[in-house]
Amino acid sequence: MTTDTTATLTVTGRIYLLWTGSGSSWSRVPLSCPACSQDSGLTLSSTAEVLCAAGHTFRDWRITQDAPVQLVGNDAEVRVTAWSGRLAARFDQGDGEDDFRDLP
């Protein structure tokens, strides 16, 4: 017999990706489904998969399985990897600009 130990969190509001940098810098970006752009009513699993109400399952490269999650009213904030870690490697790989043009 197999027991499913995957925990899930369904949010009636939005899931925000929260990055805090050094000093007072921070970023709070709403997560949305890449297939239908739905940004509320998402379900986040402990395996870092996200499910929208339309049934689309996706992963966001910024969310890790051990990312801390905090409920704020109807919303949830997921702390993403520090700028000096994996997140920084996704930016600025080539032309020195902090943008997504360098993503593979």
PDB file of N, CA and C in Angstrom:
ATOM      1  N   MET A   1       0.840  -1.183   0.000  1.00  0.00           N
ATOM      2  CA  MET A   1       0.000   0.000   0.000  1.00  0.00           C
ATOM      3  C   MET A   1       0.884   1.245   0.000  1.00  0.00           C
ATOM      4  N   THR A   2       0.558   2.189  -0.869  1.00  0.00           N
ATOM      5  CA  THR A   2       1.314   3.427  -0.981  1.00  0.00           C
ATOM      6  C   THR A   2       0.511   4.566  -0.373  1.00  0.00           C
ATOM      7  N   THR A   3       1.157   5.381   0.418  1.00  0.00           N
ATOM      8  CA  THR A   3       0.514   6.535   1.020  1.00  0.00           C
ATOM      9  C   THR A   3       1.033   7.801   0.347  1.00  0.00           C
ATOM     10  N   ASP A   4       0.125   8.649  -0.109  1.00  0.00           N
ATOM     11  CA  ASP A   4       0.505   9.913  -0.734  1.00  0.00           C
ATOM     12  C   ASP A   4       0.751  10.941   0.365  1.00  0.00           C
ATOM     13  N   THR A   5       1.977  11.412   0.477  1.00  0.00           N
ATOM     14  CA  THR A   5       2.320  12.391   1.511  1.00  0.00           C
ATOM     15  C   THR A   5       2.511  13.791   0.943  1.00  0.00           C
ATOM     16  N   THR A   6       2.023  14.016  -0.268  1.00  0.00           N
ATOM     17  CA  THR A   6       2.158  15.320  -0.899  1.00  0.00           C
ATOM     18  C   THR A   6       1.163  16.301  -0.274  1.00  0.00           C
ATOM     19  N   ALA A   7       1.664  17.336   0.328  1.00  0.00           N
ATOM     20  CA  ALA A   7       0.807  18.364   0.911  1.00  0.00           C
ATOM     21  C   ALA A   7       0.495  19.413  -0.146  1.00  0.00           C
ATOM     22  N   THR A   8      -0.710  19.969  -0.095  1.00  0.00           N
ATOM     23  CA  THR A   8      -1.086  21.010  -1.039  1.00  0.00           C
ATOM     24  C   THR A   8      -1.662  22.202  -0.289  1.00  0.00           C
ATOM     25  N   LEU A   9      -1.589  23.351  -0.935  1.00  0.00           N
ATOM     26  CA  LEU A   9      -2.138  24.585  -0.406  1.00  0.00           C
ATOM     27  C   LEU A   9      -2.903  25.259  -1.530  1.00  0.00           C
ATOM     28  N   THR A  10      -4.215  25.384  -1.391  1.00  0.00           N
ATOM     29  CA  THR A  10      -5.030  26.083  -2.380  1.00  0.00           C
ATOM     30  C   THR A  10      -5.305  27.482  -1.854  1.00  0.00           C
ATOM     31  N   VAL A  11      -5.035  28.464  -2.678  1.00  0.00           N
ATOM     32  CA  VAL A  11      -5.153  29.869  -2.288  1.00  0.00           C
ATOM     33  C   VAL A  11      -6.314  30.496  -3.051  1.00  0.00           C
ATOM     34  N   THR A  12      -7.240  31.135  -2.342  1.00  0.00           N
ATOM     35  CA  THR A  12      -8.356  31.793  -3.024  1.00  0.00           C
ATOM     36  C   THR A  12      -7.902  33.088  -3.686  1.00  0.00           C
ATOM     37  N   GLY A  13      -6.875  33.698  -3.143  1.00  0.00           N
ATOM     38  CA  GLY A  13      -6.309  34.910  -3.746  1.00  0.00           C
ATOM     39  C   GLY A  13      -5.208  34.553  -4.730  1.00  0.00           C
ATOM     40  N   ARG A  14      -4.087  35.221  -4.599  1.00  0.00           N
ATOM     41  CA  ARG A  14      -2.949  35.009  -5.490  1.00  0.00           C
ATOM     42  C   ARG A  14      -1.769  34.410  -4.741  1.00  0.00           C
ATOM     43  N   ILE A  15      -0.882  33.762  -5.499  1.00  0.00           N
ATOM     44  CA  ILE A  15       0.402  33.321  -4.972  1.00  0.00           C
ATOM     45  C   ILE A  15       1.439  34.309  -5.488  1.00  0.00           C
ATOM     46  N   TYR A  16       2.166  34.918  -4.573  1.00  0.00           N
ATOM     47  CA  TYR A  16       3.203  35.875  -4.938  1.00  0.00           C
ATOM     48  C   TYR A  16       4.572  35.266  -4.715  1.00  0.00           C
ATOM     49  N   LEU A  17       5.479  35.490  -5.653  1.00  0.00           N
ATOM     50  CA  LEU A  17       6.875  35.116  -5.491  1.00  0.00           C
ATOM     51  C   LEU A  17       7.562  36.306  -4.859  1.00  0.00           C
ATOM     52  N   LEU A  18       8.138  36.099  -3.689  1.00  0.00           N
ATOM     53  CA  LEU A  18       8.735  37.188  -2.931  1.00  0.00           C
ATOM     54  C   LEU A  18      10.237  36.981  -2.855  1.00  0.00           C
ATOM     55  N   TRP A  19      10.964  37.945  -3.354  1.00  0.00           N
ATOM     56  CA  TRP A  19      12.430  37.942  -3.266  1.00  0.00           C
ATOM     57  C   TRP A  19      12.847  39.167  -2.482  1.00  0.00           C
ATOM     58  N   THR A  20      13.664  38.957  -1.460  1.00  0.00           N
ATOM     59  CA  THR A  20      14.193  40.085  -0.710  1.00  0.00           C
ATOM     60  C   THR A  20      15.700  40.107  -0.885  1.00  0.00           C
ATOM     61  N   GLY A  21      16.198  41.257  -1.219  1.00  0.00           N
ATOM     62  CA  GLY A  21      17.626  41.415  -1.436  1.00  0.00           C
ATOM     63  C   GLY A  21      18.293  42.082  -0.255  1.00  0.00           C
ATOM     64  N   SER A  22      19.491  42.544  -0.487  1.00  0.00           N
ATOM     65  CA  SER A  22      20.211  43.226   0.578  1.00  0.00           C
ATOM     66  C   SER A  22      19.615  44.616   0.795  1.00  0.00           C
ATOM     67  N   GLY A  23      19.697  45.070   2.017  1.00  0.00           N
ATOM     68  CA  GLY A  23      19.159  46.391   2.332  1.00  0.00           C
ATOM     69  C   GLY A  23      17.649  46.387   2.255  1.00  0.00           C
ATOM     70  N   SER A  24      17.089  47.320   1.524  1.00  0.00           N
ATOM     71  CA  SER A  24      15.638  47.442   1.440  1.00  0.00           C
ATOM     72  C   SER A  24      15.085  47.008   0.086  1.00  0.00           C
ATOM     73  N   SER A  25      15.884  46.335  -0.733  1.00  0.00           N
ATOM     74  CA  SER A  25      15.393  45.920  -2.049  1.00  0.00           C
ATOM     75  C   SER A  25      14.573  44.636  -1.948  1.00  0.00           C
ATOM     76  N   TRP A  26      13.492  44.582  -2.711  1.00  0.00           N
ATOM     77  CA  TRP A  26      12.644  43.408  -2.721  1.00  0.00           C
ATOM     78  C   TRP A  26      11.796  43.408  -3.986  1.00  0.00           C
ATOM     79  N   SER A  27      11.198  42.267  -4.279  1.00  0.00           N
ATOM     80  CA  SER A  27      10.321  42.133  -5.436  1.00  0.00           C
ATOM     81  C   SER A  27       9.184  41.194  -5.060  1.00  0.00           C
ATOM     82  N   ARG A  28       7.977  41.534  -5.456  1.00  0.00           N
ATOM     83  CA  ARG A  28       6.791  40.713  -5.178  1.00  0.00           C
ATOM     84  C   ARG A  28       6.034  40.566  -6.492  1.00  0.00           C
ATOM     85  N   VAL A  29       6.106  39.367  -7.088  1.00  0.00           N
ATOM     86  CA  VAL A  29       5.548  39.127  -8.417  1.00  0.00           C
ATOM     87  C   VAL A  29       4.453  38.069  -8.330  1.00  0.00           C
ATOM     88  N   PRO A  30       3.243  38.352  -8.879  1.00  0.00           N
ATOM     89  CA  PRO A  30       2.189  37.335  -8.841  1.00  0.00           C
ATOM     90  C   PRO A  30       2.496  36.190  -9.802  1.00  0.00           C
ATOM     91  N   LEU A  31       2.194  34.983  -9.360  1.00  0.00           N
ATOM     92  CA  LEU A  31       2.379  33.790 -10.178  1.00  0.00           C
ATOM     93  C   LEU A  31       1.123  33.581 -11.005  1.00  0.00           C
ATOM     94  N   SER A  32       1.264  33.193 -12.264  1.00  0.00           N
ATOM     95  CA  SER A  32       0.098  32.910 -13.097  1.00  0.00           C
ATOM     96  C   SER A  32       0.367  31.683 -13.967  1.00  0.00           C
ATOM     97  N   CYS A  33      -0.697  31.037 -14.383  1.00  0.00           N
ATOM     98  CA  CYS A  33      -0.603  29.841 -15.215  1.00  0.00           C
ATOM     99  C   CYS A  33      -0.104  30.239 -16.607  1.00  0.00           C
ATOM    100  N   PRO A  34       0.935  29.581 -17.101  1.00  0.00           N
ATOM    101  CA  PRO A  34       1.445  29.932 -18.428  1.00  0.00           C
ATOM    102  C   PRO A  34       0.503  29.525 -19.566  1.00  0.00           C
ATOM    103  N   ALA A  35      -0.429  28.611 -19.312  1.00  0.00           N
ATOM    104  CA  ALA A  35      -1.342  28.156 -20.361  1.00  0.00           C
ATOM    105  C   ALA A  35      -2.570  29.055 -20.504  1.00  0.00           C
ATOM    106  N   CYS A  36      -3.129  29.523 -19.357  1.00  0.00           N
ATOM    107  CA  CYS A  36      -4.370  30.300 -19.433  1.00  0.00           C
ATOM    108  C   CYS A  36      -4.299  31.645 -18.713  1.00  0.00           C
ATOM    109  N   SER A  37      -3.172  31.973 -18.125  1.00  0.00           N
ATOM    110  CA  SER A  37      -2.935  33.243 -17.424  1.00  0.00           C
ATOM    111  C   SER A  37      -3.748  33.420 -16.151  1.00  0.00           C
ATOM    112  N   GLN A  38      -4.392  32.381 -15.654  1.00  0.00           N
ATOM    113  CA  GLN A  38      -5.126  32.482 -14.402  1.00  0.00           C
ATOM    114  C   GLN A  38      -4.142  32.737 -13.275  1.00  0.00           C
ATOM    115  N   ASP A  39      -4.463  33.719 -12.419  1.00  0.00           N
ATOM    116  CA  ASP A  39      -3.532  34.077 -11.342  1.00  0.00           C
ATOM    117  C   ASP A  39      -4.153  34.014  -9.951  1.00  0.00           C
ATOM    118  N   SER A  40      -5.357  33.457  -9.834  1.00  0.00           N
ATOM    119  CA  SER A  40      -5.957  33.274  -8.518  1.00  0.00           C
ATOM    120  C   SER A  40      -6.545  31.870  -8.438  1.00  0.00           C
ATOM    121  N   GLY A  41      -6.715  31.387  -7.222  1.00  0.00           N
ATOM    122  CA  GLY A  41      -7.248  30.047  -7.045  1.00  0.00           C
ATOM    123  C   GLY A  41      -6.262  28.948  -7.394  1.00  0.00           C
ATOM    124  N   LEU A  42      -4.966  29.249  -7.323  1.00  0.00           N
ATOM    125  CA  LEU A  42      -3.939  28.263  -7.654  1.00  0.00           C
ATOM    126  C   LEU A  42      -3.677  27.355  -6.460  1.00  0.00           C
ATOM    127  N   THR A  43      -3.232  26.134  -6.752  1.00  0.00           N
ATOM    128  CA  THR A  43      -2.862  25.174  -5.719  1.00  0.00           C
ATOM    129  C   THR A  43      -1.384  24.876  -5.838  1.00  0.00           C
ATOM    130  N   LEU A  44      -0.663  25.022  -4.735  1.00  0.00           N
ATOM    131  CA  LEU A  44       0.767  24.766  -4.685  1.00  0.00           C
ATOM    132  C   LEU A  44       0.997  23.481  -3.905  1.00  0.00           C
ATOM    133  N   SER A  45       1.773  22.553  -4.480  1.00  0.00           N
ATOM    134  CA  SER A  45       2.060  21.294  -3.789  1.00  0.00           C
ATOM    135  C   SER A  45       3.449  21.343  -3.159  1.00  0.00           C
ATOM    136  N   SER A  46       3.702  20.417  -2.248  1.00  0.00           N
ATOM    137  CA  SER A  46       5.005  20.358  -1.590  1.00  0.00           C
ATOM    138  C   SER A  46       6.106  19.897  -2.548  1.00  0.00           C
ATOM    139  N   THR A  47       5.723  19.433  -3.733  1.00  0.00           N
ATOM    140  CA  THR A  47       6.710  19.061  -4.752  1.00  0.00           C
ATOM    141  C   THR A  47       6.992  20.228  -5.695  1.00  0.00           C
ATOM    142  N   ALA A  48       6.500  21.421  -5.346  1.00  0.00           N
ATOM    143  CA  ALA A  48       6.694  22.665  -6.094  1.00  0.00           C
ATOM    144  C   ALA A  48       5.933  22.692  -7.412  1.00  0.00           C
ATOM    145  N   GLU A  49       4.932  21.835  -7.573  1.00  0.00           N
ATOM    146  CA  GLU A  49       4.057  21.905  -8.744  1.00  0.00           C
ATOM    147  C   GLU A  49       2.889  22.827  -8.423  1.00  0.00           C
ATOM    148  N   VAL A  50       2.397  23.504  -9.460  1.00  0.00           N
ATOM    149  CA  VAL A  50       1.275  24.417  -9.292  1.00  0.00           C
ATOM    150  C   VAL A  50       0.157  23.942 -10.207  1.00  0.00           C
ATOM    151  N   LEU A  51      -1.068  23.961  -9.704  1.00  0.00           N
ATOM    152  CA  LEU A  51      -2.249  23.547 -10.462  1.00  0.00           C
ATOM    153  C   LEU A  51      -3.218  24.715 -10.492  1.00  0.00           C
ATOM    154  N   CYS A  52      -3.706  25.060 -11.694  1.00  0.00           N
ATOM    155  CA  CYS A  52      -4.706  26.126 -11.783  1.00  0.00           C
ATOM    156  C   CYS A  52      -6.095  25.487 -11.795  1.00  0.00           C
ATOM    157  N   ALA A  53      -7.137  26.294 -11.622  1.00  0.00           N
ATOM    158  CA  ALA A  53      -8.508  25.796 -11.560  1.00  0.00           C
ATOM    159  C   ALA A  53      -8.951  25.154 -12.871  1.00  0.00           C
ATOM    160  N   ALA A  54      -8.295  25.515 -13.983  1.00  0.00           N
ATOM    161  CA  ALA A  54      -8.636  24.930 -15.283  1.00  0.00           C
ATOM    162  C   ALA A  54      -7.994  23.556 -15.473  1.00  0.00           C
ATOM    163  N   GLY A  55      -7.145  23.141 -14.508  1.00  0.00           N
ATOM    164  CA  GLY A  55      -6.542  21.816 -14.580  1.00  0.00           C
ATOM    165  C   GLY A  55      -5.131  21.767 -15.137  1.00  0.00           C
ATOM    166  N   HIS A  56      -4.554  22.910 -15.459  1.00  0.00           N
ATOM    167  CA  HIS A  56      -3.179  22.946 -15.963  1.00  0.00           C
ATOM    168  C   HIS A  56      -2.193  22.787 -14.805  1.00  0.00           C
ATOM    169  N   THR A  57      -1.202  21.920 -14.978  1.00  0.00           N
ATOM    170  CA  THR A  57      -0.152  21.736 -13.986  1.00  0.00           C
ATOM    171  C   THR A  57       1.141  22.288 -14.551  1.00  0.00           C
ATOM    172  N   PHE A  58       1.860  23.052 -13.741  1.00  0.00           N
ATOM    173  CA  PHE A  58       3.117  23.632 -14.214  1.00  0.00           C
ATOM    174  C   PHE A  58       4.068  23.814 -13.049  1.00  0.00           C
ATOM    175  N   ARG A  59       5.316  24.055 -13.379  1.00  0.00           N
ATOM    176  CA  ARG A  59       6.354  24.370 -12.391  1.00  0.00           C
ATOM    177  C   ARG A  59       6.946  25.724 -12.756  1.00  0.00           C
ATOM    178  N   ASP A  60       7.333  26.466 -11.747  1.00  0.00           N
ATOM    179  CA  ASP A  60       8.031  27.720 -11.961  1.00  0.00           C
ATOM    180  C   ASP A  60       9.455  27.519 -11.475  1.00  0.00           C
ATOM    181  N   TRP A  61      10.438  27.837 -12.297  1.00  0.00           N
ATOM    182  CA  TRP A  61      11.839  27.570 -11.976  1.00  0.00           C
ATOM    183  C   TRP A  61      12.313  28.296 -10.723  1.00  0.00           C
ATOM    184  N   ARG A  62      11.574  29.313 -10.283  1.00  0.00           N
ATOM    185  CA  ARG A  62      11.982  30.070  -9.108  1.00  0.00           C
ATOM    186  C   ARG A  62      11.547  29.423  -7.795  1.00  0.00           C
ATOM    187  N   ILE A  63      10.604  28.487  -7.849  1.00  0.00           N
ATOM    188  CA  ILE A  63      10.090  27.859  -6.633  1.00  0.00           C
ATOM    189  C   ILE A  63      10.805  26.535  -6.401  1.00  0.00           C
ATOM    190  N   THR A  64      11.356  26.369  -5.211  1.00  0.00           N
ATOM    191  CA  THR A  64      11.990  25.111  -4.834  1.00  0.00           C
ATOM    192  C   THR A  64      11.088  24.391  -3.838  1.00  0.00           C
ATOM    193  N   GLN A  65      11.338  23.114  -3.644  1.00  0.00           N
ATOM    194  CA  GLN A  65      10.510  22.327  -2.732  1.00  0.00           C
ATOM    195  C   GLN A  65      10.615  22.794  -1.290  1.00  0.00           C
ATOM    196  N   ASP A  66      11.725  23.407  -0.940  1.00  0.00           N
ATOM    197  CA  ASP A  66      11.906  23.857   0.441  1.00  0.00           C
ATOM    198  C   ASP A  66      11.649  25.356   0.621  1.00  0.00           C
ATOM    199  N   ALA A  67      11.026  25.992  -0.364  1.00  0.00           N
ATOM    200  CA  ALA A  67      10.752  27.428  -0.284  1.00  0.00           C
ATOM    201  C   ALA A  67       9.742  27.716   0.825  1.00  0.00           C
ATOM    202  N   PRO A  68      10.042  28.670   1.700  1.00  0.00           N
ATOM    203  CA  PRO A  68       9.092  29.025   2.766  1.00  0.00           C
ATOM    204  C   PRO A  68       7.846  29.695   2.192  1.00  0.00           C
ATOM    205  N   VAL A  69       6.683  29.320   2.727  1.00  0.00           N
ATOM    206  CA  VAL A  69       5.400  29.872   2.279  1.00  0.00           C
ATOM    207  C   VAL A  69       4.728  30.533   3.473  1.00  0.00           C
ATOM    208  N   GLN A  70       4.207  31.741   3.242  1.00  0.00           N
ATOM    209  CA  GLN A  70       3.522  32.472   4.301  1.00  0.00           C
ATOM    210  C   GLN A  70       2.167  32.917   3.778  1.00  0.00           C
ATOM    211  N   LEU A  71       1.111  32.663   4.559  1.00  0.00           N
ATOM    212  CA  LEU A  71      -0.224  33.123   4.186  1.00  0.00           C
ATOM    213  C   LEU A  71      -0.405  34.563   4.637  1.00  0.00           C
ATOM    214  N   VAL A  72      -0.928  35.387   3.725  1.00  0.00           N
ATOM    215  CA  VAL A  72      -1.192  36.795   4.013  1.00  0.00           C
ATOM    216  C   VAL A  72      -2.604  37.079   3.517  1.00  0.00           C
ATOM    217  N   GLY A  73      -3.565  37.020   4.425  1.00  0.00           N
ATOM    218  CA  GLY A  73      -4.970  37.166   4.029  1.00  0.00           C
ATOM    219  C   GLY A  73      -5.373  36.011   3.121  1.00  0.00           C
ATOM    220  N   ASN A  74      -5.932  36.337   1.945  1.00  0.00           N
ATOM    221  CA  ASN A  74      -6.317  35.312   0.973  1.00  0.00           C
ATOM    222  C   ASN A  74      -5.159  34.916   0.065  1.00  0.00           C
ATOM    223  N   ASP A  75      -4.019  35.573   0.211  1.00  0.00           N
ATOM    224  CA  ASP A  75      -2.857  35.334  -0.646  1.00  0.00           C
ATOM    225  C   ASP A  75      -1.815  34.478   0.069  1.00  0.00           C
ATOM    226  N   ALA A  76      -0.844  34.020  -0.715  1.00  0.00           N
ATOM    227  CA  ALA A  76       0.309  33.310  -0.157  1.00  0.00           C
ATOM    228  C   ALA A  76       1.564  33.914  -0.764  1.00  0.00           C
ATOM    229  N   GLU A  77       2.600  34.048   0.044  1.00  0.00           N
ATOM    230  CA  GLU A  77       3.896  34.531  -0.434  1.00  0.00           C
ATOM    231  C   GLU A  77       4.896  33.384  -0.353  1.00  0.00           C
ATOM    232  N   VAL A  78       5.569  33.123  -1.471  1.00  0.00           N
ATOM    233  CA  VAL A  78       6.597  32.086  -1.533  1.00  0.00           C
ATOM    234  C   VAL A  78       7.932  32.796  -1.660  1.00  0.00           C
ATOM    235  N   ARG A  79       8.810  32.603  -0.696  1.00  0.00           N
ATOM    236  CA  ARG A  79      10.148  33.214  -0.762  1.00  0.00           C
ATOM    237  C   ARG A  79      10.987  32.434  -1.759  1.00  0.00           C
ATOM    238  N   VAL A  80      11.502  33.145  -2.753  1.00  0.00           N
ATOM    239  CA  VAL A  80      12.300  32.506  -3.788  1.00  0.00           C
ATOM    240  C   VAL A  80      13.780  32.638  -3.473  1.00  0.00           C
ATOM    241  N   THR A  81      14.578  31.889  -4.192  1.00  0.00           N
ATOM    242  CA  THR A  81      16.020  31.796  -3.956  1.00  0.00           C
ATOM    243  C   THR A  81      16.678  33.159  -3.941  1.00  0.00           C
ATOM    244  N   ALA A  82      17.650  33.316  -3.067  1.00  0.00           N
ATOM    245  CA  ALA A  82      18.374  34.580  -2.923  1.00  0.00           C
ATOM    246  C   ALA A  82      19.045  34.987  -4.234  1.00  0.00           C
ATOM    247  N   TRP A  83      19.213  36.285  -4.401  1.00  0.00           N
ATOM    248  CA  TRP A  83      19.813  36.838  -5.613  1.00  0.00           C
ATOM    249  C   TRP A  83      21.179  36.230  -5.906  1.00  0.00           C
ATOM    250  N   SER A  84      21.934  35.927  -4.878  1.00  0.00           N
ATOM    251  CA  SER A  84      23.273  35.383  -5.079  1.00  0.00           C
ATOM    252  C   SER A  84      23.240  33.893  -5.431  1.00  0.00           C
ATOM    253  N   GLY A  85      22.063  33.270  -5.346  1.00  0.00           N
ATOM    254  CA  GLY A  85      21.947  31.843  -5.631  1.00  0.00           C
ATOM    255  C   GLY A  85      21.459  31.576  -7.037  1.00  0.00           C
ATOM    256  N   ARG A  86      20.549  30.627  -7.151  1.00  0.00           N
ATOM    257  CA  ARG A  86      20.061  30.168  -8.441  1.00  0.00           C
ATOM    258  C   ARG A  86      19.384  31.277  -9.239  1.00  0.00           C
ATOM    259  N   LEU A  87      18.692  32.182  -8.570  1.00  0.00           N
ATOM    260  CA  LEU A  87      17.987  33.247  -9.265  1.00  0.00           C
ATOM    261  C   LEU A  87      18.951  34.131 -10.041  1.00  0.00           C
ATOM    262  N   ALA A  88      20.091  34.450  -9.446  1.00  0.00           N
ATOM    263  CA  ALA A  88      21.077  35.304 -10.117  1.00  0.00           C
ATOM    264  C   ALA A  88      21.621  34.625 -11.365  1.00  0.00           C
ATOM    265  N   ALA A  89      21.728  33.310 -11.340  1.00  0.00           N
ATOM    266  CA  ALA A  89      22.261  32.587 -12.496  1.00  0.00           C
ATOM    267  C   ALA A  89      21.315  32.672 -13.692  1.00  0.00           C
ATOM    268  N   ARG A  90      20.015  32.914 -13.453  1.00  0.00           N
ATOM    269  CA  ARG A  90      19.051  33.004 -14.538  1.00  0.00           C
ATOM    270  C   ARG A  90      19.078  34.377 -15.209  1.00  0.00           C
ATOM    271  N   PHE A  91      19.640  35.354 -14.544  1.00  0.00           N
ATOM    272  CA  PHE A  91      19.763  36.697 -15.094  1.00  0.00           C
ATOM    273  C   PHE A  91      21.192  36.915 -15.581  1.00  0.00           C
ATOM    274  N   ASP A  92      21.359  37.865 -16.428  1.00  0.00           N
ATOM    275  CA  ASP A  92      22.684  38.356 -16.788  1.00  0.00           C
ATOM    276  C   ASP A  92      23.659  37.251 -17.218  1.00  0.00           C
ATOM    277  N   GLN A  93      23.253  36.462 -18.201  1.00  0.00           N
ATOM    278  CA  GLN A  93      24.161  35.464 -18.743  1.00  0.00           C
ATOM    279  C   GLN A  93      24.466  35.846 -20.185  1.00  0.00           C
ATOM    280  N   GLY A  94      25.300  36.799 -20.338  1.00  0.00           N
ATOM    281  CA  GLY A  94      25.670  37.164 -21.695  1.00  0.00           C
ATOM    282  C   GLY A  94      25.937  38.629 -21.887  1.00  0.00           C
ATOM    283  N   ASP A  95      24.892  39.439 -21.933  1.00  0.00           N
ATOM    284  CA  ASP A  95      25.087  40.827 -22.329  1.00  0.00           C
ATOM    285  C   ASP A  95      25.171  41.799 -21.165  1.00  0.00           C
ATOM    286  N   GLY A  96      25.090  41.325 -19.929  1.00  0.00           N
ATOM    287  CA  GLY A  96      25.207  42.216 -18.786  1.00  0.00           C
ATOM    288  C   GLY A  96      23.916  42.898 -18.400  1.00  0.00           C
ATOM    289  N   GLU A  97      22.834  42.656 -19.141  1.00  0.00           N
ATOM    290  CA  GLU A  97      21.540  43.252 -18.829  1.00  0.00           C
ATOM    291  C   GLU A  97      20.757  42.318 -17.916  1.00  0.00           C
ATOM    292  N   ASP A  98      20.080  42.863 -16.903  1.00  0.00           N
ATOM    293  CA  ASP A  98      19.247  42.060 -16.021  1.00  0.00           C
ATOM    294  C   ASP A  98      17.870  41.900 -16.657  1.00  0.00           C
ATOM    295  N   ASP A  99      17.744  40.916 -17.515  1.00  0.00           N
ATOM    296  CA  ASP A  99      16.464  40.675 -18.165  1.00  0.00           C
ATOM    297  C   ASP A  99      16.378  39.202 -18.569  1.00  0.00           C
ATOM    298  N   PHE A 100      15.319  38.834 -19.224  1.00  0.00           N
ATOM    299  CA  PHE A 100      15.093  37.447 -19.589  1.00  0.00           C
ATOM    300  C   PHE A 100      15.590  37.116 -20.992  1.00  0.00           C
ATOM    301  N   ARG A 101      16.228  38.041 -21.688  1.00  0.00           N
ATOM    302  CA  ARG A 101      16.709  37.755 -23.048  1.00  0.00           C
ATOM    303  C   ARG A 101      17.781  36.677 -23.043  1.00  0.00           C
ATOM    304  N   ASP A 102      18.457  36.499 -21.910  1.00  0.00           N
ATOM    305  CA  ASP A 102      19.560  35.535 -21.846  1.00  0.00           C
ATOM    306  C   ASP A 102      19.103  34.140 -21.445  1.00  0.00           C
ATOM    307  N   LEU A 103      17.803  33.958 -21.168  1.00  0.00           N
ATOM    308  CA  LEU A 103      17.355  32.630 -20.761  1.00  0.00           C
ATOM    309  C   LEU A 103      17.479  31.649 -21.907  1.00  0.00           C
ATOM    310  N   PRO A 104      17.819  30.402 -21.594  1.00  0.00           N
ATOM    311  CA  PRO A 104      17.950  29.394 -22.651  1.00  0.00           C
ATOM    312  C   PRO A 104      16.632  29.074 -23.303  1.00  0.00           C
TER     313      PRO A 104
END
